[in-house]
Amino acid sequence: MNWHLRGHYTSFDPGKRLGFTWKWDHDSQEAGEREVTIIFEPVAPDGTRLRLTHGPYIDTPEDQELRIEHHLAGWKHFLSRLQQLLGASR
């Protein structure tokens, strides 16, 4: 699709936290950057829970559609693929 995603890291605590900004090149200038934070939490006996936040979003129909139909759907798709890959590597 020739899309390019850009941003910069805002936090990095190995094995615990990763934060970064997120903006597609093809988005309008008014769209602004989103912030993503991923928290890694150990789960006994040998697992990890990943807690992800992505925002901010405003309460407009367009922004809520972007949040639910695009970002949330994308994270669900790719995180389930990551989970499958990690499960296969055990």
Protein backbone atom coordinates (compact mmCIF):
# COMPACT_ATOMS: atom_id res chain seq x y z
CA MET A 1 0.00 0.00 0.00
CA ASN A 2 3.13 2.18 0.14
CA TRP A 3 2.11 3.72 3.48
CA HIS A 4 4.76 5.05 5.84
CA LEU A 5 4.38 5.29 9.59
CA ARG A 6 6.52 7.77 11.51
CA GLY A 7 7.12 8.69 15.10
CA HIS A 8 9.68 8.75 17.85
CA TYR A 9 10.25 6.84 21.05
CA THR A 10 8.97 8.55 24.18
CA SER A 11 9.91 5.92 26.78
CA PHE A 12 11.92 2.72 26.95
CA ASP A 13 12.37 0.54 30.02
CA PRO A 14 13.55 -2.88 28.72
CA GLY A 15 11.15 -5.67 29.56
CA LYS A 16 8.69 -3.26 31.20
CA ARG A 17 7.59 -0.36 29.02
CA LEU A 18 7.76 1.03 25.49
CA GLY A 19 6.24 4.33 24.39
CA PHE A 20 6.21 5.99 21.00
CA THR A 21 4.33 8.46 18.84
CA TRP A 22 2.43 7.32 15.73
CA LYS A 23 1.41 9.15 12.53
CA TRP A 24 0.87 7.95 8.98
CA ASP A 25 2.43 10.12 6.26
CA HIS A 26 -0.84 10.14 4.32
CA ASP A 27 -2.87 11.53 7.27
CA SER A 28 -3.77 15.20 7.19
CA GLN A 29 -1.68 17.69 9.13
CA GLU A 30 -4.68 18.34 11.40
CA ALA A 31 -4.77 14.67 12.46
CA GLY A 32 -1.78 15.11 14.77
CA GLU A 33 0.30 12.37 16.35
CA ARG A 34 -1.12 9.56 18.44
CA GLU A 35 0.72 8.14 21.42
CA VAL A 36 1.16 4.43 22.02
CA THR A 37 2.25 2.94 25.33
CA ILE A 38 2.92 -0.75 25.82
CA ILE A 39 3.36 -2.16 29.34
CA PHE A 40 4.82 -5.65 29.78
CA GLU A 41 3.71 -7.46 32.96
CA PRO A 42 5.05 -10.87 34.03
CA VAL A 43 2.42 -13.59 34.43
CA ALA A 44 3.31 -16.78 36.30
CA PRO A 45 4.80 -19.16 35.53
CA ASP A 46 6.48 -18.02 32.30
CA GLY A 47 4.14 -15.63 30.49
CA THR A 48 3.83 -11.93 29.80
CA ARG A 49 0.73 -9.75 29.67
CA LEU A 50 0.91 -6.91 27.18
CA ARG A 51 -1.19 -3.85 28.01
CA LEU A 52 -1.47 -1.34 25.16
CA THR A 53 -2.96 2.15 25.03
CA HIS A 54 -3.27 4.21 21.85
CA GLY A 55 -4.63 7.73 21.70
CA PRO A 56 -5.69 10.40 22.31
CA TYR A 57 -8.97 10.42 20.45
CA ILE A 58 -11.65 13.09 20.42
CA ASP A 59 -15.40 12.46 20.52
CA THR A 60 -16.20 12.98 16.85
CA PRO A 61 -17.71 10.31 14.60
CA GLU A 62 -14.62 10.40 12.36
CA ASP A 63 -12.14 9.97 15.22
CA GLN A 64 -14.20 7.22 16.84
CA GLU A 65 -14.44 5.37 13.52
CA LEU A 66 -10.67 5.66 13.15
CA ARG A 67 -10.21 4.35 16.70
CA ILE A 68 -12.57 1.38 16.42
CA GLU A 69 -12.57 0.41 12.75
CA HIS A 70 -8.90 0.99 12.02
CA HIS A 71 -6.62 1.22 15.04
CA LEU A 72 -8.38 -1.24 17.36
CA ALA A 73 -9.01 -3.69 14.52
CA GLY A 74 -5.37 -3.42 13.42
CA TRP A 75 -3.97 -3.99 16.91
CA LYS A 76 -6.26 -7.00 17.44
CA HIS A 77 -5.18 -8.51 14.12
CA PHE A 78 -1.44 -8.05 14.57
CA LEU A 79 -1.29 -8.83 18.30
CA SER A 80 -3.10 -12.12 17.72
CA ARG A 81 -0.55 -12.94 15.00
CA LEU A 82 2.27 -12.11 17.43
CA GLN A 83 0.67 -14.36 20.05
CA GLN A 84 0.46 -17.20 17.51
CA LEU A 85 4.11 -16.77 16.53
CA LEU A 86 5.28 -16.71 20.14
CA GLY A 87 3.18 -19.78 20.96
CA ALA A 88 4.68 -21.64 18.00
CA SER A 89 8.22 -20.85 19.15
CA ARG A 90 7.83 -22.66 22.48
